[in-house]
Amino acid sequence: MKVLVIDDNPAVRDMVAVALARAGHDAVVANNGWEGLALAERESIDAVVTDVFMPECDGIEVVRALRERRRGLPLVAMSGGSLSLGQEFLKMAEHLGASATLRKPFEPRELVAVLEALGRRVPA
């Protein structure tokens, strides 16, 4: 599975990319929402993992834009914001079409399990 990882935090972005690689998946990384949306247009992506809180183009905008362009694409939104605010934004992401959400911090195996389950549910 080729997964686009969008996060403005290099440590989180790298952790997710390494976890995906160890599980046998390919990761394409983007530093922000605009870069992620451009990569999603150019690359053949099987799933997207995006942070919710990012400067300029946030994860909510990424979910909204990708849901319009690629309806069946698995989208995972993640947030480490304050407990109540982060949870509200994750609910908003789900309402706009995120396939799943994860609260940071999470175990890398949790993310891999979510992506693999979503990959099995989505037709090729």
N, C-alpha and C. Protein backbone atom coordinates (compact mmCIF):
# COMPACT_ATOMS: atom_id res chain seq x y z
N MET A 1 0.85 -1.16 0.00
CA MET A 1 0.00 0.00 0.00
C MET A 1 0.90 1.23 0.00
N LYS A 2 0.56 2.20 -0.83
CA LYS A 2 1.31 3.46 -0.88
C LYS A 2 0.50 4.51 -0.11
N VAL A 3 1.11 5.03 0.97
CA VAL A 3 0.41 5.91 1.89
C VAL A 3 1.04 7.30 1.89
N LEU A 4 0.21 8.30 1.70
CA LEU A 4 0.65 9.69 1.80
C LEU A 4 0.53 10.11 3.25
N VAL A 5 1.63 10.57 3.84
CA VAL A 5 1.67 11.00 5.23
C VAL A 5 1.86 12.52 5.24
N ILE A 6 0.90 13.24 5.82
CA ILE A 6 0.95 14.70 5.86
C ILE A 6 1.00 15.15 7.32
N ASP A 7 2.12 15.76 7.70
CA ASP A 7 2.25 16.28 9.06
C ASP A 7 3.35 17.32 9.06
N ASP A 8 3.12 18.44 9.73
CA ASP A 8 4.12 19.49 9.80
C ASP A 8 5.21 19.21 10.83
N ASN A 9 5.02 18.19 11.66
CA ASN A 9 6.01 17.82 12.67
C ASN A 9 6.90 16.72 12.09
N PRO A 10 8.18 17.03 11.85
CA PRO A 10 9.08 16.03 11.24
C PRO A 10 9.19 14.74 12.04
N ALA A 11 9.17 14.82 13.37
CA ALA A 11 9.30 13.61 14.19
C ALA A 11 8.11 12.68 13.98
N VAL A 12 6.91 13.23 13.96
CA VAL A 12 5.71 12.42 13.75
C VAL A 12 5.71 11.86 12.32
N ARG A 13 6.01 12.71 11.37
CA ARG A 13 6.05 12.29 9.97
C ARG A 13 7.02 11.13 9.76
N ASP A 14 8.20 11.25 10.35
CA ASP A 14 9.22 10.20 10.21
C ASP A 14 8.80 8.92 10.93
N MET A 15 8.21 9.05 12.13
CA MET A 15 7.76 7.87 12.88
C MET A 15 6.72 7.10 12.08
N VAL A 16 5.77 7.82 11.50
CA VAL A 16 4.73 7.17 10.71
C VAL A 16 5.32 6.51 9.48
N ALA A 17 6.22 7.20 8.79
CA ALA A 17 6.84 6.64 7.59
C ALA A 17 7.64 5.37 7.91
N VAL A 18 8.39 5.39 9.01
CA VAL A 18 9.17 4.22 9.41
C VAL A 18 8.24 3.06 9.78
N ALA A 19 7.19 3.35 10.52
CA ALA A 19 6.23 2.29 10.91
C ALA A 19 5.61 1.66 9.67
N LEU A 20 5.27 2.47 8.71
CA LEU A 20 4.68 1.95 7.47
C LEU A 20 5.68 1.10 6.70
N ALA A 21 6.92 1.57 6.62
CA ALA A 21 7.96 0.82 5.92
C ALA A 21 8.21 -0.53 6.59
N ARG A 22 8.25 -0.56 7.91
CA ARG A 22 8.46 -1.81 8.64
C ARG A 22 7.32 -2.80 8.42
N ALA A 23 6.14 -2.27 8.13
CA ALA A 23 4.97 -3.13 7.88
C ALA A 23 4.86 -3.49 6.40
N GLY A 24 5.83 -3.06 5.60
CA GLY A 24 5.84 -3.42 4.18
C GLY A 24 5.11 -2.47 3.26
N HIS A 25 4.82 -1.26 3.74
CA HIS A 25 4.12 -0.28 2.92
C HIS A 25 5.09 0.81 2.48
N ASP A 26 4.73 1.54 1.44
CA ASP A 26 5.52 2.67 0.97
C ASP A 26 4.90 3.95 1.52
N ALA A 27 5.74 4.87 1.96
CA ALA A 27 5.26 6.15 2.46
C ALA A 27 5.79 7.27 1.59
N VAL A 28 4.90 8.18 1.26
CA VAL A 28 5.25 9.42 0.59
C VAL A 28 4.91 10.50 1.60
N VAL A 29 5.85 11.42 1.87
CA VAL A 29 5.62 12.38 2.95
C VAL A 29 5.46 13.80 2.41
N ALA A 30 4.64 14.57 3.14
CA ALA A 30 4.42 15.98 2.84
C ALA A 30 4.49 16.78 4.12
N ASN A 31 5.03 17.98 4.03
CA ASN A 31 5.23 18.84 5.19
C ASN A 31 4.00 19.64 5.60
N ASN A 32 3.03 19.75 4.69
CA ASN A 32 1.83 20.53 4.99
C ASN A 32 0.71 20.10 4.05
N GLY A 33 -0.47 20.63 4.29
CA GLY A 33 -1.64 20.24 3.51
C GLY A 33 -1.53 20.56 2.04
N TRP A 34 -1.00 21.74 1.71
CA TRP A 34 -0.88 22.11 0.28
C TRP A 34 0.04 21.13 -0.45
N GLU A 35 1.17 20.83 0.17
CA GLU A 35 2.12 19.88 -0.43
C GLU A 35 1.47 18.50 -0.55
N GLY A 36 0.73 18.10 0.45
CA GLY A 36 0.05 16.81 0.43
C GLY A 36 -0.98 16.72 -0.69
N LEU A 37 -1.78 17.76 -0.86
CA LEU A 37 -2.77 17.76 -1.92
C LEU A 37 -2.11 17.70 -3.30
N ALA A 38 -1.00 18.41 -3.47
CA ALA A 38 -0.27 18.37 -4.74
C ALA A 38 0.28 16.96 -5.00
N LEU A 39 0.83 16.32 -3.97
CA LEU A 39 1.34 14.96 -4.12
C LEU A 39 0.22 13.98 -4.44
N ALA A 40 -0.93 14.17 -3.83
CA ALA A 40 -2.07 13.28 -4.08
C ALA A 40 -2.53 13.38 -5.53
N GLU A 41 -2.33 14.53 -6.15
CA GLU A 41 -2.67 14.70 -7.57
C GLU A 41 -1.66 14.01 -8.47
N ARG A 42 -0.38 14.04 -8.09
CA ARG A 42 0.70 13.51 -8.94
C ARG A 42 0.97 12.03 -8.73
N GLU A 43 0.79 11.55 -7.52
CA GLU A 43 1.16 10.18 -7.16
C GLU A 43 -0.06 9.27 -7.15
N SER A 44 0.18 8.00 -7.33
CA SER A 44 -0.87 7.00 -7.19
C SER A 44 -0.88 6.57 -5.73
N ILE A 45 -1.78 7.13 -4.96
CA ILE A 45 -1.84 6.93 -3.51
C ILE A 45 -2.97 5.97 -3.17
N ASP A 46 -2.71 5.05 -2.24
CA ASP A 46 -3.73 4.10 -1.79
C ASP A 46 -4.45 4.55 -0.52
N ALA A 47 -3.81 5.45 0.26
CA ALA A 47 -4.40 5.92 1.51
C ALA A 47 -3.67 7.20 1.93
N VAL A 48 -4.30 7.96 2.82
CA VAL A 48 -3.71 9.20 3.33
C VAL A 48 -3.83 9.22 4.85
N VAL A 49 -2.75 9.63 5.50
CA VAL A 49 -2.75 9.89 6.94
C VAL A 49 -2.39 11.36 7.09
N THR A 50 -3.27 12.14 7.70
CA THR A 50 -3.01 13.56 7.84
C THR A 50 -3.21 14.05 9.26
N ASP A 51 -2.33 14.94 9.66
CA ASP A 51 -2.51 15.64 10.92
C ASP A 51 -3.68 16.61 10.74
N VAL A 52 -4.35 16.94 11.81
CA VAL A 52 -5.45 17.89 11.74
C VAL A 52 -4.93 19.31 11.90
N PHE A 53 -4.10 19.55 12.90
CA PHE A 53 -3.62 20.90 13.17
C PHE A 53 -2.29 21.16 12.46
N MET A 54 -2.37 21.95 11.38
CA MET A 54 -1.18 22.36 10.63
C MET A 54 -1.39 23.79 10.18
N PRO A 55 -0.31 24.56 10.05
CA PRO A 55 -0.47 25.92 9.56
C PRO A 55 -0.89 25.93 8.08
N GLU A 56 -1.45 27.01 7.66
CA GLU A 56 -1.90 27.22 6.28
C GLU A 56 -3.06 26.29 5.92
N CYS A 57 -2.79 25.15 5.33
CA CYS A 57 -3.83 24.21 4.91
C CYS A 57 -3.87 23.06 5.91
N ASP A 58 -4.90 23.04 6.76
CA ASP A 58 -4.95 22.03 7.82
C ASP A 58 -5.55 20.71 7.34
N GLY A 59 -5.58 19.74 8.23
CA GLY A 59 -6.08 18.42 7.88
C GLY A 59 -7.55 18.39 7.55
N ILE A 60 -8.33 19.30 8.11
CA ILE A 60 -9.75 19.37 7.77
C ILE A 60 -9.91 19.72 6.30
N GLU A 61 -9.13 20.69 5.83
CA GLU A 61 -9.16 21.06 4.41
C GLU A 61 -8.67 19.93 3.52
N VAL A 62 -7.67 19.20 3.99
CA VAL A 62 -7.15 18.05 3.23
C VAL A 62 -8.25 17.00 3.08
N VAL A 63 -8.92 16.67 4.18
CA VAL A 63 -10.00 15.68 4.13
C VAL A 63 -11.09 16.14 3.18
N ARG A 64 -11.51 17.38 3.32
CA ARG A 64 -12.58 17.91 2.47
C ARG A 64 -12.19 17.86 0.98
N ALA A 65 -10.99 18.31 0.66
CA ALA A 65 -10.55 18.34 -0.74
C ALA A 65 -10.39 16.93 -1.32
N LEU A 66 -9.77 16.03 -0.55
CA LEU A 66 -9.57 14.68 -1.07
C LEU A 66 -10.87 13.89 -1.16
N ARG A 67 -11.80 14.15 -0.27
CA ARG A 67 -13.08 13.45 -0.33
C ARG A 67 -13.83 13.86 -1.60
N GLU A 68 -13.69 15.11 -2.02
CA GLU A 68 -14.32 15.56 -3.27
C GLU A 68 -13.66 14.93 -4.49
N ARG A 69 -12.35 14.80 -4.45
CA ARG A 69 -11.60 14.32 -5.61
C ARG A 69 -11.54 12.80 -5.72
N ARG A 70 -11.42 12.12 -4.58
CA ARG A 70 -11.26 10.66 -4.58
C ARG A 70 -12.11 10.07 -3.48
N ARG A 71 -13.35 9.84 -3.80
CA ARG A 71 -14.35 9.41 -2.82
C ARG A 71 -13.99 8.19 -2.01
N GLY A 72 -13.44 7.16 -2.61
CA GLY A 72 -13.16 5.91 -1.91
C GLY A 72 -11.80 5.83 -1.25
N LEU A 73 -11.00 6.88 -1.35
CA LEU A 73 -9.65 6.86 -0.79
C LEU A 73 -9.71 6.81 0.74
N PRO A 74 -9.06 5.82 1.37
CA PRO A 74 -9.02 5.79 2.83
C PRO A 74 -8.26 6.99 3.39
N LEU A 75 -8.89 7.72 4.30
CA LEU A 75 -8.30 8.91 4.91
C LEU A 75 -8.29 8.74 6.43
N VAL A 76 -7.12 8.86 7.03
CA VAL A 76 -7.00 8.77 8.48
C VAL A 76 -6.55 10.13 8.99
N ALA A 77 -7.35 10.73 9.86
CA ALA A 77 -7.00 12.01 10.48
C ALA A 77 -6.44 11.72 11.87
N MET A 78 -5.39 12.45 12.24
CA MET A 78 -4.80 12.26 13.57
C MET A 78 -4.59 13.62 14.21
N SER A 79 -4.69 13.64 15.53
CA SER A 79 -4.54 14.89 16.25
C SER A 79 -3.93 14.67 17.63
N GLY A 80 -3.07 15.57 18.00
CA GLY A 80 -2.49 15.56 19.33
C GLY A 80 -2.84 16.84 20.07
N GLY A 81 -3.79 17.60 19.53
CA GLY A 81 -4.21 18.84 20.18
C GLY A 81 -4.79 18.57 21.55
N SER A 82 -5.15 19.64 22.25
CA SER A 82 -5.73 19.48 23.59
C SER A 82 -6.86 18.47 23.53
N LEU A 83 -7.10 17.79 24.62
CA LEU A 83 -8.05 16.68 24.63
C LEU A 83 -9.41 17.06 24.05
N SER A 84 -10.03 18.10 24.55
CA SER A 84 -11.38 18.45 24.07
C SER A 84 -11.34 19.04 22.67
N LEU A 85 -10.42 19.96 22.41
CA LEU A 85 -10.35 20.59 21.09
C LEU A 85 -9.95 19.56 20.03
N GLY A 86 -8.94 18.76 20.34
CA GLY A 86 -8.50 17.73 19.40
C GLY A 86 -9.61 16.76 19.07
N GLN A 87 -10.36 16.36 20.09
CA GLN A 87 -11.46 15.42 19.87
C GLN A 87 -12.55 16.04 19.00
N GLU A 88 -12.84 17.31 19.21
CA GLU A 88 -13.85 17.99 18.39
C GLU A 88 -13.42 18.05 16.92
N PHE A 89 -12.15 18.34 16.68
CA PHE A 89 -11.67 18.41 15.31
C PHE A 89 -11.62 17.04 14.66
N LEU A 90 -11.33 16.00 15.43
CA LEU A 90 -11.37 14.65 14.87
C LEU A 90 -12.81 14.28 14.50
N LYS A 91 -13.77 14.68 15.32
CA LYS A 91 -15.18 14.44 14.98
C LYS A 91 -15.55 15.18 13.70
N MET A 92 -15.06 16.40 13.57
CA MET A 92 -15.33 17.18 12.35
C MET A 92 -14.72 16.49 11.14
N ALA A 93 -13.51 15.97 11.28
CA ALA A 93 -12.85 15.27 10.18
C ALA A 93 -13.67 14.05 9.76
N GLU A 94 -14.20 13.31 10.74
CA GLU A 94 -15.05 12.15 10.41
C GLU A 94 -16.32 12.60 9.70
N HIS A 95 -16.91 13.68 10.18
CA HIS A 95 -18.13 14.21 9.56
C HIS A 95 -17.89 14.60 8.10
N LEU A 96 -16.68 15.09 7.81
CA LEU A 96 -16.35 15.51 6.45
C LEU A 96 -15.86 14.37 5.57
N GLY A 97 -15.69 13.18 6.15
CA GLY A 97 -15.33 12.05 5.32
C GLY A 97 -14.09 11.28 5.69
N ALA A 98 -13.44 11.60 6.80
CA ALA A 98 -12.30 10.79 7.22
C ALA A 98 -12.79 9.37 7.50
N SER A 99 -12.05 8.40 7.03
CA SER A 99 -12.41 6.99 7.22
C SER A 99 -12.18 6.53 8.66
N ALA A 100 -11.18 7.14 9.32
CA ALA A 100 -10.84 6.78 10.70
C ALA A 100 -10.07 7.95 11.32
N THR A 101 -10.00 7.96 12.65
CA THR A 101 -9.22 8.98 13.35
C THR A 101 -8.38 8.31 14.43
N LEU A 102 -7.28 8.97 14.75
CA LEU A 102 -6.39 8.51 15.81
C LEU A 102 -5.96 9.69 16.66
N ARG A 103 -5.97 9.49 17.98
CA ARG A 103 -5.46 10.52 18.90
C ARG A 103 -3.97 10.27 19.12
N LYS A 104 -3.17 11.31 18.99
CA LYS A 104 -1.75 11.23 19.32
C LYS A 104 -1.60 11.36 20.82
N PRO A 105 -0.67 10.67 21.41
CA PRO A 105 0.22 9.70 20.78
C PRO A 105 -0.48 8.35 20.61
N PHE A 106 -0.08 7.64 19.59
CA PHE A 106 -0.61 6.30 19.34
C PHE A 106 0.56 5.39 19.03
N GLU A 107 0.32 4.11 19.16
CA GLU A 107 1.35 3.13 18.84
C GLU A 107 1.39 2.95 17.32
N PRO A 108 2.57 2.85 16.73
CA PRO A 108 2.65 2.66 15.28
C PRO A 108 1.82 1.47 14.78
N ARG A 109 1.76 0.40 15.57
CA ARG A 109 0.98 -0.77 15.15
C ARG A 109 -0.51 -0.45 15.05
N GLU A 110 -0.99 0.51 15.86
CA GLU A 110 -2.39 0.92 15.78
C GLU A 110 -2.69 1.54 14.41
N LEU A 111 -1.81 2.42 13.98
CA LEU A 111 -1.98 3.06 12.68
C LEU A 111 -1.94 2.04 11.56
N VAL A 112 -0.97 1.15 11.60
CA VAL A 112 -0.84 0.12 10.56
C VAL A 112 -2.09 -0.74 10.51
N ALA A 113 -2.60 -1.13 11.67
CA ALA A 113 -3.82 -1.96 11.71
C ALA A 113 -5.01 -1.23 11.12
N VAL A 114 -5.16 0.05 11.43
CA VAL A 114 -6.27 0.84 10.89
C VAL A 114 -6.15 0.93 9.37
N LEU A 115 -4.96 1.25 8.88
CA LEU A 115 -4.77 1.38 7.43
C LEU A 115 -5.02 0.06 6.70
N GLU A 116 -4.51 -1.02 7.26
CA GLU A 116 -4.70 -2.31 6.60
C GLU A 116 -6.16 -2.72 6.60
N ALA A 117 -6.89 -2.43 7.67
CA ALA A 117 -8.32 -2.73 7.70
C ALA A 117 -9.06 -1.88 6.68
N LEU A 118 -8.71 -0.62 6.58
CA LEU A 118 -9.37 0.26 5.59
C LEU A 118 -9.03 -0.17 4.16
N GLY A 119 -7.79 -0.61 3.95
CA GLY A 119 -7.38 -1.05 2.63
C GLY A 119 -8.14 -2.26 2.16
N ARG A 120 -8.50 -3.13 3.09
CA ARG A 120 -9.27 -4.33 2.73
C ARG A 120 -10.72 -3.99 2.41
N ARG A 121 -11.24 -2.91 3.00
CA ARG A 121 -12.64 -2.54 2.78
C ARG A 121 -12.87 -1.76 1.51
N VAL A 122 -11.81 -1.14 0.98
CA VAL A 122 -11.97 -0.27 -0.18
C VAL A 122 -11.72 -1.05 -1.45
N PRO A 123 -12.64 -0.99 -2.42
CA PRO A 123 -12.41 -1.69 -3.69
C PRO A 123 -11.22 -1.09 -4.43
N ALA A 124 -10.50 -1.94 -5.16
CA ALA A 124 -9.31 -1.47 -5.90
C ALA A 124 -9.70 -0.61 -7.07
